Amino acid sequence: MRIVRAAAAVVVGEDGRLLLVRRGREPQRGRWSVPGGKLEPGETVAEAAVREAFEETGARVRAERELGVVHVPGGPDLVYEVHDVAATYLGGVLRPGDDADAVRWVAPEELPGLETTDGLLEHLARFGIRPA
């Protein structure tokens, strides 16, 4: 089994809305998720979360703390070990980039109505980001 380390930025604005991207590539193309991706060689989890947030959304963020780890199947012999990192929004002009085809702020009550990536809502609840 090949394990690929990845990081995702869980960015909650001052108004409680969550920064989400709609995935432009497989796996789970067209579904909403937090911005994230694979770690580059020599990169820390926090650095990757900050970089991925900027590349996918145009948002400048500061990594605060790791929330937890999610294991995402990537194929028969591949698992992504995604380290979710709480991040503070610092500014920037939102625009989809990298492998995202849309970006938006989403209020917690809107989350159940969106087509999100598998397990996202449960993981956010586990991390205390939205009510269970």
C-alpha atoms as a PDB file:
ATOM      1  CA  MET A   1       0.000   0.000   0.000  1.00  0.00           C
ATOM      2  CA  ARG A   2       1.390   3.393  -1.023  1.00  0.00           C
ATOM      3  CA  ILE A   3       0.663   6.286   1.342  1.00  0.00           C
ATOM      4  CA  VAL A   4       0.834   9.857   0.036  1.00  0.00           C
ATOM      5  CA  ARG A   5       1.036  12.603   2.660  1.00  0.00           C
ATOM      6  CA  ALA A   6      -1.196  15.595   1.998  1.00  0.00           C
ATOM      7  CA  ALA A   7      -2.481  18.672   3.805  1.00  0.00           C
ATOM      8  CA  ALA A   8      -5.728  20.620   3.707  1.00  0.00           C
ATOM      9  CA  ALA A   9      -6.551  24.088   5.026  1.00  0.00           C
ATOM     10  CA  VAL A  10      -9.744  24.362   7.067  1.00  0.00           C
ATOM     11  CA  VAL A  11     -10.360  28.105   6.855  1.00  0.00           C
ATOM     12  CA  VAL A  12     -13.245  29.558   8.866  1.00  0.00           C
ATOM     13  CA  GLY A  13     -13.891  33.277   8.421  1.00  0.00           C
ATOM     14  CA  GLU A  14     -14.773  35.698  11.197  1.00  0.00           C
ATOM     15  CA  ASP A  15     -18.433  35.310  10.222  1.00  0.00           C
ATOM     16  CA  GLY A  16     -18.266  31.524  10.681  1.00  0.00           C
ATOM     17  CA  ARG A  17     -18.342  30.666   6.979  1.00  0.00           C
ATOM     18  CA  LEU A  18     -15.993  27.984   5.631  1.00  0.00           C
ATOM     19  CA  LEU A  19     -13.766  28.438   2.566  1.00  0.00           C
ATOM     20  CA  LEU A  20     -14.487  25.632   0.078  1.00  0.00           C
ATOM     21  CA  VAL A  21     -13.364  24.674  -3.409  1.00  0.00           C
ATOM     22  CA  ARG A  22     -15.185  22.610  -6.004  1.00  0.00           C
ATOM     23  CA  ARG A  23     -12.805  19.930  -7.209  1.00  0.00           C
ATOM     24  CA  GLY A  24     -11.884  20.285 -10.864  1.00  0.00           C
ATOM     25  CA  ARG A  25     -10.143  16.905 -11.110  1.00  0.00           C
ATOM     26  CA  GLU A  26     -10.644  13.340  -9.985  1.00  0.00           C
ATOM     27  CA  PRO A  27     -10.987  11.947  -7.433  1.00  0.00           C
ATOM     28  CA  GLN A  28     -14.455  13.308  -6.662  1.00  0.00           C
ATOM     29  CA  ARG A  29     -14.475  15.927  -9.416  1.00  0.00           C
ATOM     30  CA  GLY A  30     -17.330  18.434  -9.055  1.00  0.00           C
ATOM     31  CA  ARG A  31     -17.689  17.985  -5.308  1.00  0.00           C
ATOM     32  CA  TRP A  32     -17.005  20.651  -2.691  1.00  0.00           C
ATOM     33  CA  SER A  33     -14.149  20.263  -0.202  1.00  0.00           C
ATOM     34  CA  VAL A  34     -11.535  22.209   1.717  1.00  0.00           C
ATOM     35  CA  PRO A  35      -8.471  23.251  -0.324  1.00  0.00           C
ATOM     36  CA  GLY A  36      -5.595  20.806  -0.110  1.00  0.00           C
ATOM     37  CA  GLY A  37      -3.087  18.597  -1.853  1.00  0.00           C
ATOM     38  CA  LYS A  38       0.114  16.591  -1.663  1.00  0.00           C
ATOM     39  CA  LEU A  39       3.127  17.731   0.318  1.00  0.00           C
ATOM     40  CA  GLU A  40       6.125  18.814  -1.750  1.00  0.00           C
ATOM     41  CA  PRO A  41       9.547  17.348  -0.833  1.00  0.00           C
ATOM     42  CA  GLY A  42      10.850  18.964   2.389  1.00  0.00           C
ATOM     43  CA  GLU A  43       7.562  20.768   3.053  1.00  0.00           C
ATOM     44  CA  THR A  44       5.820  20.662   6.431  1.00  0.00           C
ATOM     45  CA  VAL A  45       2.108  19.982   6.808  1.00  0.00           C
ATOM     46  CA  ALA A  46       1.511  23.633   7.786  1.00  0.00           C
ATOM     47  CA  GLU A  47       3.494  24.942   4.790  1.00  0.00           C
ATOM     48  CA  ALA A  48       1.581  22.677   2.413  1.00  0.00           C
ATOM     49  CA  ALA A  49      -1.803  23.767   3.806  1.00  0.00           C
ATOM     50  CA  VAL A  50      -0.889  27.453   3.344  1.00  0.00           C
ATOM     51  CA  ARG A  51       0.464  26.869  -0.178  1.00  0.00           C
ATOM     52  CA  GLU A  52      -2.507  24.769  -1.286  1.00  0.00           C
ATOM     53  CA  ALA A  53      -5.021  27.313   0.068  1.00  0.00           C
ATOM     54  CA  PHE A  54      -3.343  30.048  -1.981  1.00  0.00           C
ATOM     55  CA  GLU A  55      -2.931  27.949  -5.137  1.00  0.00           C
ATOM     56  CA  GLU A  56      -6.539  26.748  -5.133  1.00  0.00           C
ATOM     57  CA  THR A  57      -8.349  29.864  -3.855  1.00  0.00           C
ATOM     58  CA  GLY A  58      -6.118  32.957  -3.988  1.00  0.00           C
ATOM     59  CA  ALA A  59      -6.552  33.299  -0.203  1.00  0.00           C
ATOM     60  CA  ARG A  60      -3.611  34.127   2.002  1.00  0.00           C
ATOM     61  CA  VAL A  61      -3.906  32.116   5.220  1.00  0.00           C
ATOM     62  CA  ARG A  62      -1.874  31.398   8.340  1.00  0.00           C
ATOM     63  CA  ALA A  63      -1.701  27.817   9.622  1.00  0.00           C
ATOM     64  CA  GLU A  64      -2.725  27.600  13.284  1.00  0.00           C
ATOM     65  CA  ARG A  65      -2.867  23.961  14.415  1.00  0.00           C
ATOM     66  CA  GLU A  66      -3.427  20.473  13.096  1.00  0.00           C
ATOM     67  CA  LEU A  67      -7.008  19.300  13.593  1.00  0.00           C
ATOM     68  CA  GLY A  68      -6.550  15.658  12.713  1.00  0.00           C
ATOM     69  CA  VAL A  69      -5.759  13.147  10.003  1.00  0.00           C
ATOM     70  CA  VAL A  70      -8.138  11.714   7.412  1.00  0.00           C
ATOM     71  CA  HIS A  71      -7.304   8.675   5.271  1.00  0.00           C
ATOM     72  CA  VAL A  72      -8.738   8.987   1.758  1.00  0.00           C
ATOM     73  CA  PRO A  73      -8.637   6.016  -0.636  1.00  0.00           C
ATOM     74  CA  GLY A  74      -6.982   6.945  -3.929  1.00  0.00           C
ATOM     75  CA  GLY A  75      -7.146   3.595  -5.664  1.00  0.00           C
ATOM     76  CA  PRO A  76      -6.581  -0.100  -5.044  1.00  0.00           C
ATOM     77  CA  ASP A  77      -3.071   0.380  -3.604  1.00  0.00           C
ATOM     78  CA  LEU A  78      -3.096   4.095  -2.725  1.00  0.00           C
ATOM     79  CA  VAL A  79      -4.195   6.037   0.357  1.00  0.00           C
ATOM     80  CA  TYR A  80      -3.895   9.787   0.895  1.00  0.00           C
ATOM     81  CA  GLU A  81      -2.993  10.644   4.498  1.00  0.00           C
ATOM     82  CA  VAL A  82      -4.540  14.123   4.703  1.00  0.00           C
ATOM     83  CA  HIS A  83      -3.544  16.325   7.635  1.00  0.00           C
ATOM     84  CA  ASP A  84      -6.306  18.894   8.177  1.00  0.00           C
ATOM     85  CA  VAL A  85      -4.947  22.196   9.459  1.00  0.00           C
ATOM     86  CA  ALA A  86      -6.998  25.012  11.009  1.00  0.00           C
ATOM     87  CA  ALA A  87      -6.042  28.223   9.220  1.00  0.00           C
ATOM     88  CA  THR A  88      -6.812  31.907   9.661  1.00  0.00           C
ATOM     89  CA  TYR A  89      -7.865  33.951   6.633  1.00  0.00           C
ATOM     90  CA  LEU A  90      -5.524  36.923   6.119  1.00  0.00           C
ATOM     91  CA  GLY A  91      -6.872  38.290   2.826  1.00  0.00           C
ATOM     92  CA  GLY A  92      -6.519  37.911  -0.899  1.00  0.00           C
ATOM     93  CA  VAL A  93      -8.748  37.948  -3.945  1.00  0.00           C
ATOM     94  CA  LEU A  94     -10.688  34.710  -4.204  1.00  0.00           C
ATOM     95  CA  ARG A  95     -10.417  32.941  -7.553  1.00  0.00           C
ATOM     96  CA  PRO A  96     -10.323  29.260  -8.435  1.00  0.00           C
ATOM     97  CA  GLY A  97      -6.901  27.989  -9.373  1.00  0.00           C
ATOM     98  CA  ASP A  98      -4.749  24.877  -9.630  1.00  0.00           C
ATOM     99  CA  ASP A  99      -7.181  21.926  -9.624  1.00  0.00           C
ATOM    100  CA  ALA A 100     -10.256  23.814  -8.324  1.00  0.00           C
ATOM    101  CA  ASP A 101     -12.956  24.997 -10.710  1.00  0.00           C
ATOM    102  CA  ALA A 102     -14.849  27.172  -8.178  1.00  0.00           C
ATOM    103  CA  VAL A 103     -14.257  28.724  -4.760  1.00  0.00           C
ATOM    104  CA  ARG A 104     -16.694  30.232  -2.265  1.00  0.00           C
ATOM    105  CA  TRP A 105     -17.456  30.933   1.368  1.00  0.00           C
ATOM    106  CA  VAL A 106     -20.159  28.612   2.725  1.00  0.00           C
ATOM    107  CA  ALA A 107     -22.250  29.094   5.862  1.00  0.00           C
ATOM    108  CA  PRO A 108     -22.410  25.992   8.105  1.00  0.00           C
ATOM    109  CA  GLU A 109     -26.154  25.607   7.513  1.00  0.00           C
ATOM    110  CA  GLU A 110     -25.527  25.449   3.726  1.00  0.00           C
ATOM    111  CA  LEU A 111     -23.121  22.491   3.978  1.00  0.00           C
ATOM    112  CA  PRO A 112     -25.714  19.674   4.003  1.00  0.00           C
ATOM    113  CA  GLY A 113     -27.201  21.044   0.748  1.00  0.00           C
ATOM    114  CA  LEU A 114     -23.913  20.850  -1.153  1.00  0.00           C
ATOM    115  CA  GLU A 115     -22.473  17.834  -2.896  1.00  0.00           C
ATOM    116  CA  THR A 116     -19.340  17.462  -0.766  1.00  0.00           C
ATOM    117  CA  THR A 117     -16.486  14.994  -0.885  1.00  0.00           C
ATOM    118  CA  ASP A 118     -17.013  11.697   0.906  1.00  0.00           C
ATOM    119  CA  GLY A 119     -16.795  12.095   4.675  1.00  0.00           C
ATOM    120  CA  LEU A 120     -16.207  15.866   4.675  1.00  0.00           C
ATOM    121  CA  LEU A 121     -19.191  16.766   6.846  1.00  0.00           C
ATOM    122  CA  GLU A 122     -18.408  14.040   9.376  1.00  0.00           C
ATOM    123  CA  HIS A 123     -14.760  15.083   9.610  1.00  0.00           C
ATOM    124  CA  LEU A 124     -15.679  18.743  10.039  1.00  0.00           C
ATOM    125  CA  ALA A 125     -18.075  17.783  12.838  1.00  0.00           C
ATOM    126  CA  ARG A 126     -15.352  15.657  14.462  1.00  0.00           C
ATOM    127  CA  PHE A 127     -13.026  18.686  14.344  1.00  0.00           C
ATOM    128  CA  GLY A 128     -15.725  20.904  15.873  1.00  0.00           C
ATOM    129  CA  ILE A 129     -16.159  22.986  12.724  1.00  0.00           C
ATOM    130  CA  ARG A 130     -19.910  22.417  12.372  1.00  0.00           C
ATOM    131  CA  PRO A 131     -22.617  20.808  14.471  1.00  0.00           C
ATOM    132  CA  ALA A 132     -22.843  17.007  14.172  1.00  0.00           C
END
